[in-house]
C-alpha atoms as a PDB file:
ATOM      1  CA  MET A   1     -29.932  23.318  19.412  1.00  0.00           C
ATOM      2  CA  LYS A   2     -27.489  25.863  20.823  1.00  0.00           C
ATOM      3  CA  ILE A   3     -25.482  28.193  18.646  1.00  0.00           C
ATOM      4  CA  ASN A   4     -22.209  26.651  19.884  1.00  0.00           C
ATOM      5  CA  GLN A   5     -23.324  23.188  18.771  1.00  0.00           C
ATOM      6  CA  ILE A   6     -24.419  24.498  15.368  1.00  0.00           C
ATOM      7  CA  LEU A   7     -21.087  26.248  14.876  1.00  0.00           C
ATOM      8  CA  SER A   8     -19.209  23.136  16.001  1.00  0.00           C
ATOM      9  CA  LYS A   9     -21.060  20.862  13.552  1.00  0.00           C
ATOM     10  CA  THR A  10     -20.685  23.388  10.755  1.00  0.00           C
ATOM     11  CA  GLY A  11     -16.968  23.618  11.411  1.00  0.00           C
ATOM     12  CA  LYS A  12     -16.629  19.816  11.322  1.00  0.00           C
ATOM     13  CA  TYR A  13     -18.488  19.562   8.009  1.00  0.00           C
ATOM     14  CA  ILE A  14     -16.411  22.355   6.488  1.00  0.00           C
ATOM     15  CA  PHE A  15     -13.222  20.615   7.599  1.00  0.00           C
ATOM     16  CA  LEU A  16     -14.381  17.239   6.182  1.00  0.00           C
ATOM     17  CA  VAL A  17     -15.366  18.818   2.864  1.00  0.00           C
ATOM     18  CA  PHE A  18     -11.991  20.557   2.710  1.00  0.00           C
ATOM     19  CA  ILE A  19     -10.118  17.274   3.317  1.00  0.00           C
ATOM     20  CA  ILE A  20     -12.211  15.480   0.666  1.00  0.00           C
ATOM     21  CA  LEU A  21     -11.561  18.210  -1.885  1.00  0.00           C
ATOM     22  CA  VAL A  22      -7.832  18.269  -1.162  1.00  0.00           C
ATOM     23  CA  SER A  23      -7.718  14.480  -1.613  1.00  0.00           C
ATOM     24  CA  LEU A  24      -9.906  14.180  -4.712  1.00  0.00           C
ATOM     25  CA  ILE A  25      -9.221  17.269  -6.803  1.00  0.00           C
ATOM     26  CA  PRO A  26      -5.601  16.397  -7.775  1.00  0.00           C
ATOM     27  CA  PHE A  27      -6.578  12.885  -8.889  1.00  0.00           C
ATOM     28  CA  LEU A  28      -9.699  14.045 -10.745  1.00  0.00           C
ATOM     29  CA  TRP A  29      -7.728  16.796 -12.468  1.00  0.00           C
ATOM     30  CA  CYS A  30      -5.014  14.299 -13.450  1.00  0.00           C
ATOM     31  CA  ALA A  31      -7.590  11.796 -14.776  1.00  0.00           C
ATOM     32  CA  MET A  32      -9.455  14.524 -16.671  1.00  0.00           C
ATOM     33  CA  SER A  33      -6.262  15.887 -18.218  1.00  0.00           C
ATOM     34  CA  SER A  34      -5.280  12.415 -19.419  1.00  0.00           C
ATOM     35  CA  PHE A  35      -8.151  12.591 -21.934  1.00  0.00           C
ATOM     36  CA  LYS A  36      -7.075  15.992 -23.310  1.00  0.00           C
ATOM     37  CA  THR A  37      -4.766  16.943 -26.126  1.00  0.00           C
ATOM     38  CA  GLN A  38      -1.520  18.788 -25.487  1.00  0.00           C
ATOM     39  CA  SER A  39      -2.987  22.065 -26.778  1.00  0.00           C
ATOM     40  CA  GLU A  40      -6.039  21.748 -24.523  1.00  0.00           C
ATOM     41  CA  ILE A  41      -3.877  21.190 -21.450  1.00  0.00           C
ATOM     42  CA  LEU A  42      -1.683  24.204 -22.215  1.00  0.00           C
ATOM     43  CA  SER A  43      -4.541  26.534 -23.161  1.00  0.00           C
ATOM     44  CA  SER A  44      -7.112  25.581 -20.493  1.00  0.00           C
ATOM     45  CA  ALA A  45      -5.681  23.323 -17.801  1.00  0.00           C
ATOM     46  CA  PHE A  46      -8.870  23.175 -15.710  1.00  0.00           C
ATOM     47  CA  ALA A  47     -11.459  22.965 -18.508  1.00  0.00           C
ATOM     48  CA  LEU A  48     -13.222  19.747 -19.454  1.00  0.00           C
ATOM     49  CA  PRO A  49     -11.831  17.890 -22.488  1.00  0.00           C
ATOM     50  CA  ARG A  50     -13.566  18.940 -25.724  1.00  0.00           C
ATOM     51  CA  SER A  51     -13.296  15.506 -27.343  1.00  0.00           C
ATOM     52  CA  PRO A  52     -12.184  12.826 -24.831  1.00  0.00           C
ATOM     53  CA  SER A  53      -9.754  10.335 -26.310  1.00  0.00           C
ATOM     54  CA  PHE A  54      -7.640   7.364 -25.190  1.00  0.00           C
ATOM     55  CA  LYS A  55      -4.704   8.432 -27.400  1.00  0.00           C
ATOM     56  CA  ASN A  56      -2.624   9.440 -24.390  1.00  0.00           C
ATOM     57  CA  TYR A  57      -3.054   5.992 -22.825  1.00  0.00           C
ATOM     58  CA  ILE A  58      -2.144   4.290 -26.100  1.00  0.00           C
ATOM     59  CA  GLY A  59       0.897   6.549 -26.444  1.00  0.00           C
ATOM     60  CA  ALA A  60       2.007   5.847 -22.876  1.00  0.00           C
ATOM     61  CA  PHE A  61       1.901   2.099 -23.506  1.00  0.00           C
ATOM     62  CA  THR A  62       3.661   2.518 -26.878  1.00  0.00           C
ATOM     63  CA  LEU A  63       6.548   4.776 -25.877  1.00  0.00           C
ATOM     64  CA  THR A  64       7.561   2.749 -22.808  1.00  0.00           C
ATOM     65  CA  PRO A  65       7.170  -0.925 -21.803  1.00  0.00           C
ATOM     66  CA  LEU A  66       4.352   0.182 -19.511  1.00  0.00           C
ATOM     67  CA  ALA A  67       2.406  -3.066 -19.921  1.00  0.00           C
ATOM     68  CA  ARG A  68       5.463  -5.152 -18.931  1.00  0.00           C
ATOM     69  CA  TYR A  69       6.152  -2.926 -15.935  1.00  0.00           C
ATOM     70  CA  PHE A  70       2.491  -3.022 -14.930  1.00  0.00           C
ATOM     71  CA  VAL A  71       2.560  -6.838 -14.922  1.00  0.00           C
ATOM     72  CA  ASN A  72       5.792  -6.767 -12.905  1.00  0.00           C
ATOM     73  CA  SER A  73       4.216  -4.422 -10.365  1.00  0.00           C
ATOM     74  CA  PHE A  74       1.116  -6.580 -10.148  1.00  0.00           C
ATOM     75  CA  VAL A  75       3.086  -9.803  -9.607  1.00  0.00           C
ATOM     76  CA  ILE A  76       5.504  -8.317  -7.059  1.00  0.00           C
ATOM     77  CA  THR A  77       2.810  -6.480  -5.118  1.00  0.00           C
ATOM     78  CA  SER A  78       0.482  -9.504  -5.101  1.00  0.00           C
ATOM     79  CA  PHE A  79       3.207 -11.723  -3.632  1.00  0.00           C
ATOM     80  CA  CYS A  80       4.036  -9.051  -1.045  1.00  0.00           C
ATOM     81  CA  VAL A  81       0.402  -8.718   0.050  1.00  0.00           C
ATOM     82  CA  VAL A  82      -0.293 -12.473   0.182  1.00  0.00           C
ATOM     83  CA  LEU A  83       2.955 -13.436   1.913  1.00  0.00           C
ATOM     84  CA  GLY A  84       2.720 -10.459   4.254  1.00  0.00           C
ATOM     85  CA  CYS A  85      -0.843 -11.271   5.304  1.00  0.00           C
ATOM     86  CA  ILE A  86       0.154 -14.884   5.995  1.00  0.00           C
ATOM     87  CA  PHE A  87       3.599 -14.779   7.588  1.00  0.00           C
ATOM     88  CA  LEU A  88       3.518 -11.317   9.172  1.00  0.00           C
ATOM     89  CA  ASN A  89       0.089 -12.181  10.557  1.00  0.00           C
ATOM     90  CA  MET A  90       1.604 -15.239  12.212  1.00  0.00           C
ATOM     91  CA  GLY A  91       4.353 -13.112  13.741  1.00  0.00           C
ATOM     92  CA  ALA A  92       1.834 -10.573  15.005  1.00  0.00           C
ATOM     93  CA  TYR A  93      -0.222 -13.365  16.587  1.00  0.00           C
ATOM     94  CA  VAL A  94       2.843 -14.718  18.415  1.00  0.00           C
ATOM     95  CA  PHE A  95       3.731 -11.262  19.733  1.00  0.00           C
ATOM     96  CA  ALA A  96       0.153 -10.699  20.874  1.00  0.00           C
ATOM     97  CA  ARG A  97      -0.502 -14.028  22.604  1.00  0.00           C
ATOM     98  CA  PHE A  98       2.705 -15.753  23.704  1.00  0.00           C
ATOM     99  CA  GLU A  99       5.466 -15.009  26.175  1.00  0.00           C
ATOM    100  CA  PHE A 100       9.052 -15.955  25.398  1.00  0.00           C
ATOM    101  CA  LYS A 101      12.519 -14.756  26.298  1.00  0.00           C
ATOM    102  CA  GLY A 102      13.457 -11.514  24.574  1.00  0.00           C
ATOM    103  CA  LYS A 103       9.932 -10.913  23.256  1.00  0.00           C
ATOM    104  CA  ASN A 104       9.682  -7.278  24.330  1.00  0.00           C
ATOM    105  CA  GLN A 105      13.189  -6.461  23.131  1.00  0.00           C
ATOM    106  CA  LEU A 106      12.578  -8.091  19.733  1.00  0.00           C
ATOM    107  CA  TYR A 107       9.232  -6.338  19.284  1.00  0.00           C
ATOM    108  CA  THR A 108      10.832  -3.013  20.237  1.00  0.00           C
ATOM    109  CA  LEU A 109      13.517  -3.503  17.591  1.00  0.00           C
ATOM    110  CA  ILE A 110      10.903  -4.297  14.956  1.00  0.00           C
ATOM    111  CA  THR A 111       8.794  -1.251  15.753  1.00  0.00           C
ATOM    112  CA  LEU A 112      11.849   1.014  15.951  1.00  0.00           C
ATOM    113  CA  ALA A 113      12.604   0.019  12.366  1.00  0.00           C
ATOM    114  CA  MET A 114       9.672   2.243  11.349  1.00  0.00           C
ATOM    115  CA  LEU A 115      11.852   5.233  12.237  1.00  0.00           C
ATOM    116  CA  ILE A 116      14.646   4.286   9.818  1.00  0.00           C
ATOM    117  CA  PRO A 117      14.356   6.154   6.491  1.00  0.00           C
ATOM    118  CA  SER A 118      14.543   4.038   3.339  1.00  0.00           C
ATOM    119  CA  THR A 119      17.434   6.053   1.950  1.00  0.00           C
ATOM    120  CA  ALA A 120      19.584   5.137   4.977  1.00  0.00           C
ATOM    121  CA  ILE A 121      19.639   1.432   4.130  1.00  0.00           C
ATOM    122  CA  ILE A 122      19.699   1.508   0.322  1.00  0.00           C
ATOM    123  CA  PHE A 123      23.457   0.819   0.081  1.00  0.00           C
ATOM    124  CA  PRO A 124      23.576  -2.238   2.425  1.00  0.00           C
ATOM    125  CA  VAL A 125      20.420  -3.592   0.775  1.00  0.00           C
ATOM    126  CA  PHE A 126      22.072  -3.151  -2.636  1.00  0.00           C
ATOM    127  CA  LEU A 127      25.155  -5.082  -1.464  1.00  0.00           C
ATOM    128  CA  ILE A 128      23.067  -7.909   0.015  1.00  0.00           C
ATOM    129  CA  MET A 129      21.026  -8.284  -3.179  1.00  0.00           C
ATOM    130  CA  ASN A 130      24.243  -8.450  -5.234  1.00  0.00           C
ATOM    131  CA  LYS A 131      25.935 -10.976  -2.945  1.00  0.00           C
ATOM    132  CA  THR A 132      22.901 -13.286  -2.829  1.00  0.00           C
ATOM    133  CA  GLY A 133      22.214 -13.149  -6.569  1.00  0.00           C
ATOM    134  CA  LEU A 134      18.834 -11.467  -6.106  1.00  0.00           C
ATOM    135  CA  TYR A 135      19.729  -8.281  -7.976  1.00  0.00           C
ATOM    136  CA  ASP A 136      17.343  -7.520 -10.858  1.00  0.00           C
ATOM    137  CA  THR A 137      14.857 -10.200  -9.800  1.00  0.00           C
ATOM    138  CA  LYS A 138      11.231 -10.026  -8.733  1.00  0.00           C
ATOM    139  CA  SER A 139      11.916 -12.225  -5.700  1.00  0.00           C
ATOM    140  CA  GLY A 140      14.569  -9.771  -4.527  1.00  0.00           C
ATOM    141  CA  LEU A 141      12.112  -6.884  -4.634  1.00  0.00           C
ATOM    142  CA  VAL A 142       9.475  -8.984  -2.843  1.00  0.00           C
ATOM    143  CA  ILE A 143      11.914  -9.705   0.012  1.00  0.00           C
ATOM    144  CA  VAL A 144      12.934  -6.049   0.295  1.00  0.00           C
ATOM    145  CA  TYR A 145       9.354  -4.766   0.234  1.00  0.00           C
ATOM    146  CA  LEU A 146       8.246  -7.313   2.847  1.00  0.00           C
ATOM    147  CA  ALA A 147      11.135  -6.311   5.105  1.00  0.00           C
ATOM    148  CA  ILE A 148      10.228  -2.628   4.754  1.00  0.00           C
ATOM    149  CA  ALA A 149       6.522  -3.259   5.411  1.00  0.00           C
ATOM    150  CA  MET A 150       7.094  -5.704   8.283  1.00  0.00           C
ATOM    151  CA  PRO A 151       7.291  -3.205  11.211  1.00  0.00           C
ATOM    152  CA  THR A 152       4.066  -1.386  10.339  1.00  0.00           C
ATOM    153  CA  ALA A 153       2.153  -4.535   9.352  1.00  0.00           C
ATOM    154  CA  VAL A 154       3.158  -6.442  12.512  1.00  0.00           C
ATOM    155  CA  TYR A 155       2.269  -3.444  14.669  1.00  0.00           C
ATOM    156  CA  VAL A 156      -1.197  -3.076  13.089  1.00  0.00           C
ATOM    157  CA  MET A 157      -2.091  -6.781  13.198  1.00  0.00           C
ATOM    158  CA  ARG A 158      -0.722  -7.293  16.721  1.00  0.00           C
ATOM    159  CA  SER A 159      -2.818  -4.355  17.950  1.00  0.00           C
ATOM    160  CA  PHE A 160      -5.911  -5.945  16.421  1.00  0.00           C
ATOM    161  CA  TYR A 161      -5.167  -9.369  17.953  1.00  0.00           C
ATOM    162  CA  LEU A 162      -4.996  -7.725  21.381  1.00  0.00           C
ATOM    163  CA  THR A 163      -8.652  -6.685  20.978  1.00  0.00           C
ATOM    164  CA  ILE A 164      -9.803 -10.308  20.461  1.00  0.00           C
ATOM    165  CA  PRO A 165     -10.813 -11.986  23.778  1.00  0.00           C
ATOM    166  CA  LYS A 166      -8.518 -14.813  24.898  1.00  0.00           C
ATOM    167  CA  GLU A 167     -11.603 -16.764  25.996  1.00  0.00           C
ATOM    168  CA  LEU A 168     -12.224 -17.713  22.349  1.00  0.00           C
ATOM    169  CA  GLU A 169      -8.917 -19.573  22.191  1.00  0.00           C
ATOM    170  CA  GLU A 170      -9.419 -21.150  25.598  1.00  0.00           C
ATOM    171  CA  ALA A 171     -12.854 -22.414  24.533  1.00  0.00           C
ATOM    172  CA  ALA A 172     -11.338 -23.887  21.362  1.00  0.00           C
ATOM    173  CA  TYR A 173      -8.627 -25.681  23.349  1.00  0.00           C
ATOM    174  CA  ILE A 174     -11.254 -27.058  25.762  1.00  0.00           C
ATOM    175  CA  ASP A 175     -13.225 -28.399  22.782  1.00  0.00           C
ATOM    176  CA  GLY A 176     -10.167 -30.296  21.631  1.00  0.00           C
ATOM    177  CA  ALA A 177      -8.779 -27.983  18.946  1.00  0.00           C
ATOM    178  CA  GLY A 178      -5.013 -27.829  18.661  1.00  0.00           C
ATOM    179  CA  PHE A 179      -2.840 -24.768  18.148  1.00  0.00           C
ATOM    180  CA  TYR A 180      -2.907 -24.830  14.333  1.00  0.00           C
ATOM    181  CA  ARG A 181      -6.641 -25.422  14.074  1.00  0.00           C
ATOM    182  CA  THR A 182      -7.342 -22.668  16.597  1.00  0.00           C
ATOM    183  CA  TYR A 183      -5.183 -20.229  14.683  1.00  0.00           C
ATOM    184  CA  PHE A 184      -6.315 -21.044  11.128  1.00  0.00           C
ATOM    185  CA  SER A 185      -9.990 -21.716  11.893  1.00  0.00           C
ATOM    186  CA  ILE A 186     -10.716 -19.095  14.560  1.00  0.00           C
ATOM    187  CA  MET A 187      -8.053 -16.446  15.068  1.00  0.00           C
ATOM    188  CA  MET A 188      -6.990 -15.828  11.487  1.00  0.00           C
ATOM    189  CA  PRO A 189     -10.559 -15.331  10.186  1.00  0.00           C
ATOM    190  CA  LEU A 190     -11.302 -12.974  13.082  1.00  0.00           C
ATOM    191  CA  SER A 191      -8.231 -10.889  12.213  1.00  0.00           C
ATOM    192  CA  LYS A 192      -9.435 -10.107   8.663  1.00  0.00           C
ATOM    193  CA  PRO A 193     -10.099  -6.400   9.393  1.00  0.00           C
ATOM    194  CA  GLY A 194      -6.567  -6.010  10.744  1.00  0.00           C
ATOM    195  CA  MET A 195      -5.191  -7.969   7.792  1.00  0.00           C
ATOM    196  CA  ALA A 196      -7.107  -5.697   5.392  1.00  0.00           C
ATOM    197  CA  THR A 197      -5.492  -2.622   6.929  1.00  0.00           C
ATOM    198  CA  ALA A 198      -2.048  -4.248   6.747  1.00  0.00           C
ATOM    199  CA  ALA A 199      -2.731  -5.333   3.147  1.00  0.00           C
ATOM    200  CA  ILE A 200      -3.440  -1.727   2.152  1.00  0.00           C
ATOM    201  CA  LEU A 201      -0.196  -0.550   3.777  1.00  0.00           C
ATOM    202  CA  ILE A 202       1.849  -3.335   2.162  1.00  0.00           C
ATOM    203  CA  PHE A 203       0.223  -2.670  -1.210  1.00  0.00           C
ATOM    204  CA  LEU A 204       0.898   1.064  -1.105  1.00  0.00           C
ATOM    205  CA  SER A 205       4.540   0.696  -0.046  1.00  0.00           C
ATOM    206  CA  SER A 206       5.195  -1.954  -2.725  1.00  0.00           C
ATOM    207  CA  TRP A 207       3.162  -0.502  -5.596  1.00  0.00           C
ATOM    208  CA  ASN A 208       4.360   3.090  -5.243  1.00  0.00           C
ATOM    209  CA  ASP A 209       8.032   2.418  -4.511  1.00  0.00           C
ATOM    210  CA  PHE A 210      10.432   4.045  -6.948  1.00  0.00           C
ATOM    211  CA  LEU A 211      13.789   4.102  -5.140  1.00  0.00           C
ATOM    212  CA  TYR A 212      14.342   0.354  -4.699  1.00  0.00           C
ATOM    213  CA  ALA A 213      12.734  -0.523  -8.026  1.00  0.00           C
ATOM    214  CA  LEU A 214      15.267   1.733  -9.730  1.00  0.00           C
ATOM    215  CA  MET A 215      18.342   0.831  -7.653  1.00  0.00           C
ATOM    216  CA  LEU A 216      17.825  -2.948  -7.498  1.00  0.00           C
ATOM    217  CA  THR A 217      16.947  -3.522 -11.162  1.00  0.00           C
ATOM    218  CA  SER A 218      18.730  -2.889 -14.439  1.00  0.00           C
ATOM    219  CA  GLY A 219      16.326  -4.072 -17.137  1.00  0.00           C
ATOM    220  CA  ASN A 220      12.695  -4.774 -17.945  1.00  0.00           C
ATOM    221  CA  ASN A 221      12.663  -8.136 -16.156  1.00  0.00           C
ATOM    222  CA  ALA A 222      11.716  -6.782 -12.715  1.00  0.00           C
ATOM    223  CA  ARG A 223      11.266  -3.023 -12.992  1.00  0.00           C
ATOM    224  CA  THR A 224       7.923  -1.695 -11.832  1.00  0.00           C
ATOM    225  CA  ILE A 225       5.499   0.917 -13.061  1.00  0.00           C
ATOM    226  CA  PRO A 226       6.860   3.969 -11.152  1.00  0.00           C
ATOM    227  CA  VAL A 227      10.123   3.464 -13.082  1.00  0.00           C
ATOM    228  CA  ALA A 228       8.124   3.459 -16.319  1.00  0.00           C
ATOM    229  CA  LEU A 229       6.690   6.834 -15.350  1.00  0.00           C
ATOM    230  CA  ASN A 230      10.205   8.179 -14.848  1.00  0.00           C
ATOM    231  CA  GLN A 231      11.235   6.849 -18.258  1.00  0.00           C
ATOM    232  CA  LEU A 232       8.155   8.403 -19.824  1.00  0.00           C
ATOM    233  CA  GLN A 233       9.000  11.774 -18.305  1.00  0.00           C
ATOM    234  CA  SER A 234      12.545  11.495 -19.650  1.00  0.00           C
ATOM    235  CA  SER A 235      11.569  10.472 -23.170  1.00  0.00           C
ATOM    236  CA  MET A 236       8.493  12.707 -23.568  1.00  0.00           C
ATOM    237  CA  GLY A 237       8.890  15.318 -20.844  1.00  0.00           C
ATOM    238  CA  GLY A 238       6.711  17.844 -22.688  1.00  0.00           C
ATOM    239  CA  ASN A 239       3.803  15.516 -23.441  1.00  0.00           C
ATOM    240  CA  TYR A 240       1.710  16.141 -20.353  1.00  0.00           C
ATOM    241  CA  GLY A 241      -1.273  14.126 -21.565  1.00  0.00           C
ATOM    242  CA  GLN A 242       0.690  10.876 -21.643  1.00  0.00           C
ATOM    243  CA  ILE A 243       2.295  11.630 -18.285  1.00  0.00           C
ATOM    244  CA  PHE A 244      -1.156  12.228 -16.773  1.00  0.00           C
ATOM    245  CA  ALA A 245      -2.371   8.962 -18.323  1.00  0.00           C
ATOM    246  CA  ALA A 246       0.530   7.028 -16.768  1.00  0.00           C
ATOM    247  CA  CYS A 247      -0.067   8.694 -13.380  1.00  0.00           C
ATOM    248  CA  THR A 248      -3.743   7.705 -13.516  1.00  0.00           C
ATOM    249  CA  ILE A 249      -2.810   4.099 -14.296  1.00  0.00           C
ATOM    250  CA  ILE A 250      -0.440   4.030 -11.313  1.00  0.00           C
ATOM    251  CA  VAL A 251      -2.877   5.565  -8.796  1.00  0.00           C
ATOM    252  CA  LEU A 252      -6.094   3.802  -9.842  1.00  0.00           C
ATOM    253  CA  PRO A 253      -5.300   0.293  -8.444  1.00  0.00           C
ATOM    254  CA  SER A 254      -4.669   1.753  -4.963  1.00  0.00           C
ATOM    255  CA  ILE A 255      -8.056   3.474  -4.984  1.00  0.00           C
ATOM    256  CA  ILE A 256      -9.830   0.331  -6.206  1.00  0.00           C
ATOM    257  CA  LEU A 257      -8.177  -1.808  -3.515  1.00  0.00           C
ATOM    258  CA  TYR A 258      -9.147   0.638  -0.794  1.00  0.00           C
ATOM    259  CA  PHE A 259     -12.796   0.654  -1.883  1.00  0.00           C
ATOM    260  CA  CYS A 260     -12.814  -3.158  -1.943  1.00  0.00           C
ATOM    261  CA  LEU A 261     -11.434  -3.372   1.619  1.00  0.00           C
ATOM    262  CA  GLN A 262     -13.029  -0.202   2.993  1.00  0.00           C
ATOM    263  CA  LYS A 263     -15.497  -1.909   5.349  1.00  0.00           C
ATOM    264  CA  LYS A 264     -12.879  -4.176   6.914  1.00  0.00           C
ATOM    265  CA  ILE A 265     -10.491  -1.252   7.410  1.00  0.00           C
ATOM    266  CA  GLU A 266     -13.216   0.782   9.127  1.00  0.00           C
ATOM    267  CA  VAL A 267     -13.965  -2.161  11.441  1.00  0.00           C
ATOM    268  CA  ALA A 268     -10.271  -2.453  12.349  1.00  0.00           C
ATOM    269  CA  LEU A 269      -9.934   1.247  13.071  1.00  0.00           C
ATOM    270  CA  LEU A 270     -13.150   1.453  15.068  1.00  0.00           C
ATOM    271  CA  THR A 271     -12.304  -1.660  17.079  1.00  0.00           C
ATOM    272  CA  GLY A 272      -8.905  -0.260  17.923  1.00  0.00           C
ATOM    273  CA  ALA A 273     -10.450   3.056  18.969  1.00  0.00           C
ATOM    274  CA  VAL A 274     -13.064   1.425  21.243  1.00  0.00           C
ATOM    275  CA  LYS A 275     -10.867  -1.277  22.807  1.00  0.00           C
ATOM    276  CA  GLY A 276      -7.663   0.771  22.925  1.00  0.00           C
END
């Protein structure tokens, strides 16, 4: 093996290790600190906990309605992921396979929406939620989160549908299958890797949102877990252990979901790279 190849491979491995460390170290440090006492965090921030304890987690759930907010986040995010994977998948399939008047213009408008910052539309969204009676409701947040995630999710799933050969649908139609059976029995199952990628994106945007959860809610009925973290910081700003515990609770579901859907996401990315 030539020296240039050895140096190239070494450089790639060093870069990958660096990216992994940058991604993992903050979370591991946060999770480790959540088991420490306040004095341990202040005296030795990077040392292992002397006597690991769940007191910080208990305190985080006691000082704020963290359990209620966690359930709210779970319900809202679950509806966003399920409805997004069903209805946005249908829209992506239509954009990928059918021709109709204004298709390109409509798809361009949807994709251009990815360029609009969330802060630019917070006021009109607030007015619409008030006028329609959806302020401080879970359904209102579900609608807002689906609208925000729609451009990216449709773009990802449409790109994956374009990699599926049209001959599969033609064969199904020849065998007597109608449109709905072809879509639900053949196309939708084949799009699972693309749906998994879209599900991750919808989950992250819904689960981690703080701005809309704060602006479109006023009580514990629909507020989500990032708002609980803000309340915890306000009420116990100096108790770092409990803040680290709440941060770990917020981040952990995203990591678990990614590991559950990792294979399907890799398939979607690799397929897009080869076919695109």
